[in-house]
Amino acid sequence: MSEDWTGPVTTRLRCCICGGDTEGDEDYVVIALHAAPSDAIQYLGAHAPHLDGAMARGFTVEVTQM
């Protein structure tokens, strides 16, 4: 069994849409939020279909295996 991809963080984050666990899910995405003028970054995890459902019309989430 391969280790879950975590992206730029050290562990999987809970889905920011449903609050559910993302461990073992193949449709996990990480979102990085940047706010100028600060250098701070906030990372959010999400199930891709949940994020896709929350995006404005015309925006979609495409999951690529890493």
Protein backbone atom coordinates (compact mmCIF):
# COMPACT_ATOMS: atom_id res chain seq x y z
CA MET A 1 0.00 0.00 0.00
CA SER A 2 1.43 3.38 -0.96
CA GLU A 3 1.49 6.37 1.33
CA ASP A 4 -1.22 9.02 0.83
CA TRP A 5 -0.10 12.12 -1.06
CA THR A 6 -0.24 15.13 1.28
CA GLY A 7 0.94 17.96 -0.96
CA PRO A 8 2.83 20.81 0.69
CA VAL A 9 1.71 19.85 4.21
CA THR A 10 2.92 16.92 6.33
CA THR A 11 -0.45 15.18 6.85
CA ARG A 12 -3.76 14.97 5.06
CA LEU A 13 -6.16 17.79 5.93
CA ARG A 14 -9.88 17.31 6.54
CA CYS A 15 -12.21 18.37 3.72
CA CYS A 16 -12.90 22.11 4.10
CA ILE A 17 -16.37 21.60 2.54
CA CYS A 18 -17.82 18.59 4.42
CA GLY A 19 -15.36 18.30 7.32
CA GLY A 20 -14.84 14.63 6.53
CA ASP A 21 -11.63 12.65 6.66
CA THR A 22 -9.63 12.55 3.40
CA GLU A 23 -7.24 9.73 4.32
CA GLY A 24 -7.09 7.12 1.56
CA ASP A 25 -9.22 9.15 -0.87
CA GLU A 26 -7.89 9.40 -4.42
CA ASP A 27 -9.76 12.65 -5.09
CA TYR A 28 -7.92 14.74 -2.46
CA VAL A 29 -6.78 18.25 -3.38
CA VAL A 30 -4.84 20.92 -1.49
CA ILE A 31 -5.62 24.61 -1.93
CA ALA A 32 -3.10 27.31 -0.99
CA LEU A 33 -4.47 30.73 -0.06
CA HIS A 34 -2.15 33.74 -0.16
CA ALA A 35 -3.15 37.19 1.10
CA ALA A 36 -1.02 40.20 0.22
CA PRO A 37 0.86 41.98 1.68
CA SER A 38 1.54 39.13 4.13
CA ASP A 39 3.74 36.16 3.23
CA ALA A 40 1.43 33.86 5.18
CA ILE A 41 -0.09 30.83 3.44
CA GLN A 42 -3.21 28.96 4.58
CA TYR A 43 -3.63 25.43 3.21
CA LEU A 44 -7.03 23.80 2.87
CA GLY A 45 -7.75 20.18 1.96
CA ALA A 46 -10.84 19.02 0.11
CA HIS A 47 -12.48 16.13 -1.68
CA ALA A 48 -12.33 17.20 -5.34
CA PRO A 49 -16.07 16.61 -6.03
CA HIS A 50 -17.02 18.72 -2.98
CA LEU A 51 -14.75 21.56 -4.07
CA ASP A 52 -16.02 21.26 -7.64
CA GLY A 53 -19.59 21.60 -6.35
CA ALA A 54 -18.68 24.76 -4.41
CA MET A 55 -16.88 26.51 -7.28
CA ALA A 56 -18.54 29.21 -9.36
CA ARG A 57 -19.97 28.23 -12.73
CA GLY A 58 -17.22 27.81 -15.29
CA PHE A 59 -14.57 26.73 -12.76
CA THR A 60 -13.82 23.03 -12.37
CA VAL A 61 -11.44 20.87 -10.38
CA GLU A 62 -9.31 18.38 -12.29
CA VAL A 63 -7.44 15.78 -10.25
CA THR A 64 -4.08 14.62 -11.57
CA GLN A 65 -2.26 11.73 -9.92
CA MET A 66 0.90 12.97 -8.21
